[in-house]
Amino acid sequence: MLKWALVFFIVSLIAGVFGFTGIAAGAAVVARLLFYIAVVLFLLFLVLGVFAVKAVK
């Protein structure tokens, strides 16, 4: 998911350089959304992993 966020971020930068501000803004919103989803999933799996290790011990 972070890979797609990076792709959309790069698309946003390139579109911004060439003056396509609408496309740049849209790609930036998608990149930001994917990044936040990836962070939330990372934290969720981190907490679940900690509880799973404690349950096994």
PDB file of N, CA and C in Angstrom:
ATOM      1  N   MET A   1       0.821  -1.180   0.000  1.00  0.00           N
ATOM      2  CA  MET A   1       0.000   0.000   0.000  1.00  0.00           C
ATOM      3  C   MET A   1       0.870   1.250   0.000  1.00  0.00           C
ATOM      4  N   LEU A   2       1.975   1.186   0.713  1.00  0.00           N
ATOM      5  CA  LEU A   2       2.883   2.333   0.698  1.00  0.00           C
ATOM      6  C   LEU A   2       3.486   2.536  -0.684  1.00  0.00           C
ATOM      7  N   LYS A   3       3.636   1.445  -1.402  1.00  0.00           N
ATOM      8  CA  LYS A   3       4.156   1.544  -2.769  1.00  0.00           C
ATOM      9  C   LYS A   3       3.212   2.375  -3.636  1.00  0.00           C
ATOM     10  N   TRP A   4       1.899   2.123  -3.510  1.00  0.00           N
ATOM     11  CA  TRP A   4       0.928   2.887  -4.289  1.00  0.00           C
ATOM     12  C   TRP A   4       0.865   4.337  -3.833  1.00  0.00           C
ATOM     13  N   ALA A   5       1.033   4.570  -2.538  1.00  0.00           N
ATOM     14  CA  ALA A   5       1.054   5.947  -2.042  1.00  0.00           C
ATOM     15  C   ALA A   5       2.237   6.695  -2.639  1.00  0.00           C
ATOM     16  N   LEU A   6       3.375   6.030  -2.722  1.00  0.00           N
ATOM     17  CA  LEU A   6       4.561   6.649  -3.325  1.00  0.00           C
ATOM     18  C   LEU A   6       4.350   6.907  -4.813  1.00  0.00           C
ATOM     19  N   VAL A   7       3.711   5.979  -5.504  1.00  0.00           N
ATOM     20  CA  VAL A   7       3.429   6.167  -6.937  1.00  0.00           C
ATOM     21  C   VAL A   7       2.536   7.383  -7.151  1.00  0.00           C
ATOM     22  N   PHE A   8       1.465   7.494  -6.367  1.00  0.00           N
ATOM     23  CA  PHE A   8       0.574   8.634  -6.518  1.00  0.00           C
ATOM     24  C   PHE A   8       1.262   9.939  -6.125  1.00  0.00           C
ATOM     25  N   PHE A   9       2.159   9.891  -5.155  1.00  0.00           N
ATOM     26  CA  PHE A   9       2.915  11.077  -4.768  1.00  0.00           C
ATOM     27  C   PHE A   9       3.810  11.541  -5.919  1.00  0.00           C
ATOM     28  N   ILE A  10       4.475  10.605  -6.570  1.00  0.00           N
ATOM     29  CA  ILE A  10       5.342  10.953  -7.699  1.00  0.00           C
ATOM     30  C   ILE A  10       4.519  11.480  -8.869  1.00  0.00           C
ATOM     31  N   VAL A  11       3.364  10.866  -9.122  1.00  0.00           N
ATOM     32  CA  VAL A  11       2.466  11.358 -10.173  1.00  0.00           C
ATOM     33  C   VAL A  11       2.028  12.783  -9.851  1.00  0.00           C
ATOM     34  N   SER A  12       1.734  13.033  -8.597  1.00  0.00           N
ATOM     35  CA  SER A  12       1.328  14.366  -8.166  1.00  0.00           C
ATOM     36  C   SER A  12       2.442  15.383  -8.399  1.00  0.00           C
ATOM     37  N   LEU A  13       3.660  15.019  -8.068  1.00  0.00           N
ATOM     38  CA  LEU A  13       4.791  15.930  -8.275  1.00  0.00           C
ATOM     39  C   LEU A  13       5.009  16.223  -9.757  1.00  0.00           C
ATOM     40  N   ILE A  14       4.967  15.190 -10.575  1.00  0.00           N
ATOM     41  CA  ILE A  14       5.187  15.377 -12.011  1.00  0.00           C
ATOM     42  C   ILE A  14       4.065  16.197 -12.627  1.00  0.00           C
ATOM     43  N   ALA A  15       2.831  15.925 -12.237  1.00  0.00           N
ATOM     44  CA  ALA A  15       1.701  16.697 -12.765  1.00  0.00           C
ATOM     45  C   ALA A  15       1.787  18.152 -12.325  1.00  0.00           C
ATOM     46  N   GLY A  16       2.240  18.380 -11.106  1.00  0.00           N
ATOM     47  CA  GLY A  16       2.406  19.747 -10.627  1.00  0.00           C
ATOM     48  C   GLY A  16       3.472  20.507 -11.387  1.00  0.00           C
ATOM     49  N   VAL A  17       4.559  19.827 -11.732  1.00  0.00           N
ATOM     50  CA  VAL A  17       5.643  20.464 -12.491  1.00  0.00           C
ATOM     51  C   VAL A  17       5.156  20.870 -13.872  1.00  0.00           C
ATOM     52  N   PHE A  18       4.329  20.038 -14.490  1.00  0.00           N
ATOM     53  CA  PHE A  18       3.847  20.339 -15.835  1.00  0.00           C
ATOM     54  C   PHE A  18       2.595  21.222 -15.846  1.00  0.00           C
ATOM     55  N   GLY A  19       2.118  21.606 -14.672  1.00  0.00           N
ATOM     56  CA  GLY A  19       1.011  22.549 -14.607  1.00  0.00           C
ATOM     57  C   GLY A  19      -0.376  21.946 -14.566  1.00  0.00           C
ATOM     58  N   PHE A  20      -0.474  20.650 -14.418  1.00  0.00           N
ATOM     59  CA  PHE A  20      -1.791  20.002 -14.310  1.00  0.00           C
ATOM     60  C   PHE A  20      -2.199  20.002 -12.839  1.00  0.00           C
ATOM     61  N   THR A  21      -2.679  21.151 -12.373  1.00  0.00           N
ATOM     62  CA  THR A  21      -2.926  21.299 -10.940  1.00  0.00           C
ATOM     63  C   THR A  21      -4.080  20.435 -10.451  1.00  0.00           C
ATOM     64  N   GLY A  22      -5.095  20.231 -11.268  1.00  0.00           N
ATOM     65  CA  GLY A  22      -6.222  19.391 -10.854  1.00  0.00           C
ATOM     66  C   GLY A  22      -5.809  17.952 -10.656  1.00  0.00           C
ATOM     67  N   ILE A  23      -5.035  17.444 -11.579  1.00  0.00           N
ATOM     68  CA  ILE A  23      -4.543  16.062 -11.470  1.00  0.00           C
ATOM     69  C   ILE A  23      -3.581  15.941 -10.301  1.00  0.00           C
ATOM     70  N   ALA A  24      -2.744  16.955 -10.125  1.00  0.00           N
ATOM     71  CA  ALA A  24      -1.782  16.937  -9.023  1.00  0.00           C
ATOM     72  C   ALA A  24      -2.492  16.916  -7.676  1.00  0.00           C
ATOM     73  N   ALA A  25      -3.535  17.717  -7.537  1.00  0.00           N
ATOM     74  CA  ALA A  25      -4.273  17.756  -6.276  1.00  0.00           C
ATOM     75  C   ALA A  25      -4.989  16.432  -6.024  1.00  0.00           C
ATOM     76  N   GLY A  26      -5.580  15.866  -7.055  1.00  0.00           N
ATOM     77  CA  GLY A  26      -6.265  14.584  -6.902  1.00  0.00           C
ATOM     78  C   GLY A  26      -5.314  13.467  -6.529  1.00  0.00           C
ATOM     79  N   ALA A  27      -4.168  13.421  -7.179  1.00  0.00           N
ATOM     80  CA  ALA A  27      -3.185  12.383  -6.874  1.00  0.00           C
ATOM     81  C   ALA A  27      -2.621  12.567  -5.466  1.00  0.00           C
ATOM     82  N   ALA A  28      -2.467  13.806  -5.045  1.00  0.00           N
ATOM     83  CA  ALA A  28      -1.967  14.060  -3.692  1.00  0.00           C
ATOM     84  C   ALA A  28      -2.965  13.593  -2.637  1.00  0.00           C
ATOM     85  N   VAL A  29      -4.245  13.801  -2.893  1.00  0.00           N
ATOM     86  CA  VAL A  29      -5.277  13.343  -1.952  1.00  0.00           C
ATOM     87  C   VAL A  29      -5.271  11.827  -1.860  1.00  0.00           C
ATOM     88  N   VAL A  30      -5.171  11.160  -2.987  1.00  0.00           N
ATOM     89  CA  VAL A  30      -5.140   9.692  -2.992  1.00  0.00           C
ATOM     90  C   VAL A  30      -3.890   9.189  -2.279  1.00  0.00           C
ATOM     91  N   ALA A  31      -2.744   9.812  -2.540  1.00  0.00           N
ATOM     92  CA  ALA A  31      -1.497   9.395  -1.887  1.00  0.00           C
ATOM     93  C   ALA A  31      -1.591   9.575  -0.379  1.00  0.00           C
ATOM     94  N   ARG A  32      -2.148  10.693   0.062  1.00  0.00           N
ATOM     95  CA  ARG A  32      -2.279  10.947   1.501  1.00  0.00           C
ATOM     96  C   ARG A  32      -3.228   9.928   2.140  1.00  0.00           C
ATOM     97  N   LEU A  33      -4.334   9.629   1.477  1.00  0.00           N
ATOM     98  CA  LEU A  33      -5.293   8.662   1.991  1.00  0.00           C
ATOM     99  C   LEU A  33      -4.668   7.269   2.113  1.00  0.00           C
ATOM    100  N   LEU A  34      -3.960   6.837   1.085  1.00  0.00           N
ATOM    101  CA  LEU A  34      -3.306   5.524   1.127  1.00  0.00           C
ATOM    102  C   LEU A  34      -2.239   5.465   2.210  1.00  0.00           C
ATOM    103  N   PHE A  35      -1.525   6.565   2.401  1.00  0.00           N
ATOM    104  CA  PHE A  35      -0.496   6.600   3.442  1.00  0.00           C
ATOM    105  C   PHE A  35      -1.126   6.464   4.819  1.00  0.00           C
ATOM    106  N   TYR A  36      -2.212   7.191   5.074  1.00  0.00           N
ATOM    107  CA  TYR A  36      -2.863   7.105   6.380  1.00  0.00           C
ATOM    108  C   TYR A  36      -3.451   5.722   6.618  1.00  0.00           C
ATOM    109  N   ILE A  37      -4.016   5.116   5.601  1.00  0.00           N
ATOM    110  CA  ILE A  37      -4.543   3.760   5.742  1.00  0.00           C
ATOM    111  C   ILE A  37      -3.413   2.781   6.061  1.00  0.00           C
ATOM    112  N   ALA A  38      -2.273   2.940   5.405  1.00  0.00           N
ATOM    113  CA  ALA A  38      -1.134   2.063   5.666  1.00  0.00           C
ATOM    114  C   ALA A  38      -0.621   2.238   7.094  1.00  0.00           C
ATOM    115  N   VAL A  39      -0.587   3.455   7.586  1.00  0.00           N
ATOM    116  CA  VAL A  39      -0.126   3.696   8.962  1.00  0.00           C
ATOM    117  C   VAL A  39      -1.094   3.072   9.969  1.00  0.00           C
ATOM    118  N   VAL A  40      -2.384   3.237   9.743  1.00  0.00           N
ATOM    119  CA  VAL A  40      -3.382   2.654  10.644  1.00  0.00           C
ATOM    120  C   VAL A  40      -3.279   1.133  10.643  1.00  0.00           C
ATOM    121  N   LEU A  41      -3.131   0.532   9.472  1.00  0.00           N
ATOM    122  CA  LEU A  41      -2.990  -0.927   9.404  1.00  0.00           C
ATOM    123  C   LEU A  41      -1.711  -1.396  10.084  1.00  0.00           C
ATOM    124  N   PHE A  42      -0.635  -0.652   9.914  1.00  0.00           N
ATOM    125  CA  PHE A  42       0.625  -1.004  10.575  1.00  0.00           C
ATOM    126  C   PHE A  42       0.451  -0.997  12.091  1.00  0.00           C
ATOM    127  N   LEU A  43      -0.157   0.058  12.618  1.00  0.00           N
ATOM    128  CA  LEU A  43      -0.358   0.142  14.065  1.00  0.00           C
ATOM    129  C   LEU A  43      -1.291  -0.949  14.562  1.00  0.00           C
ATOM    130  N   LEU A  44      -2.332  -1.249  13.812  1.00  0.00           N
ATOM    131  CA  LEU A  44      -3.264  -2.307  14.190  1.00  0.00           C
ATOM    132  C   LEU A  44      -2.559  -3.663  14.264  1.00  0.00           C
ATOM    133  N   PHE A  45      -1.784  -3.981  13.236  1.00  0.00           N
ATOM    134  CA  PHE A  45      -1.082  -5.261  13.230  1.00  0.00           C
ATOM    135  C   PHE A  45       0.028  -5.303  14.270  1.00  0.00           C
ATOM    136  N   LEU A  46       0.622  -4.165  14.579  1.00  0.00           N
ATOM    137  CA  LEU A  46       1.638  -4.112  15.629  1.00  0.00           C
ATOM    138  C   LEU A  46       1.013  -4.437  16.983  1.00  0.00           C
ATOM    139  N   VAL A  47      -0.119  -3.844  17.284  1.00  0.00           N
ATOM    140  CA  VAL A  47      -0.803  -4.107  18.553  1.00  0.00           C
ATOM    141  C   VAL A  47      -1.281  -5.554  18.607  1.00  0.00           C
ATOM    142  N   LEU A  48      -1.855  -6.047  17.523  1.00  0.00           N
ATOM    143  CA  LEU A  48      -2.305  -7.442  17.507  1.00  0.00           C
ATOM    144  C   LEU A  48      -1.128  -8.401  17.669  1.00  0.00           C
ATOM    145  N   GLY A  49       0.003  -8.081  17.070  1.00  0.00           N
ATOM    146  CA  GLY A  49       1.188  -8.926  17.215  1.00  0.00           C
ATOM    147  C   GLY A  49       1.703  -8.954  18.636  1.00  0.00           C
ATOM    148  N   VAL A  50       1.690  -7.826  19.313  1.00  0.00           N
ATOM    149  CA  VAL A  50       2.138  -7.774  20.702  1.00  0.00           C
ATOM    150  C   VAL A  50       1.217  -8.602  21.585  1.00  0.00           C
ATOM    151  N   PHE A  51      -0.083  -8.493  21.387  1.00  0.00           N
ATOM    152  CA  PHE A  51      -1.020  -9.289  22.184  1.00  0.00           C
ATOM    153  C   PHE A  51      -0.912 -10.774  21.860  1.00  0.00           C
ATOM    154  N   ALA A  52      -0.628 -11.121  20.619  1.00  0.00           N
ATOM    155  CA  ALA A  52      -0.497 -12.532  20.245  1.00  0.00           C
ATOM    156  C   ALA A  52       0.738 -13.143  20.893  1.00  0.00           C
ATOM    157  N   VAL A  53       1.814 -12.389  20.959  1.00  0.00           N
ATOM    158  CA  VAL A  53       3.032 -12.901  21.591  1.00  0.00           C
ATOM    159  C   VAL A  53       2.807 -13.097  23.084  1.00  0.00           C
ATOM    160  N   LYS A  54       2.111 -12.162  23.708  1.00  0.00           N
ATOM    161  CA  LYS A  54       1.815 -12.299  25.135  1.00  0.00           C
ATOM    162  C   LYS A  54       0.882 -13.477  25.391  1.00  0.00           C
ATOM    163  N   ALA A  55      -0.036 -13.761  24.491  1.00  0.00           N
ATOM    164  CA  ALA A  55      -0.975 -14.865  24.664  1.00  0.00           C
ATOM    165  C   ALA A  55      -0.281 -16.213  24.517  1.00  0.00           C
ATOM    166  N   VAL A  56       0.743 -16.282  23.672  1.00  0.00           N
ATOM    167  CA  VAL A  56       1.452 -17.547  23.448  1.00  0.00           C
ATOM    168  C   VAL A  56       2.369 -17.869  24.616  1.00  0.00           C
ATOM    169  N   LYS A  57       2.966 -16.863  25.211  1.00  0.00           N
ATOM    170  CA  LYS A  57       3.881 -17.094  26.358  1.00  0.00           C
ATOM    171  C   LYS A  57       3.078 -17.534  27.510  1.00  0.00           C
TER     172      LYS A  57
END
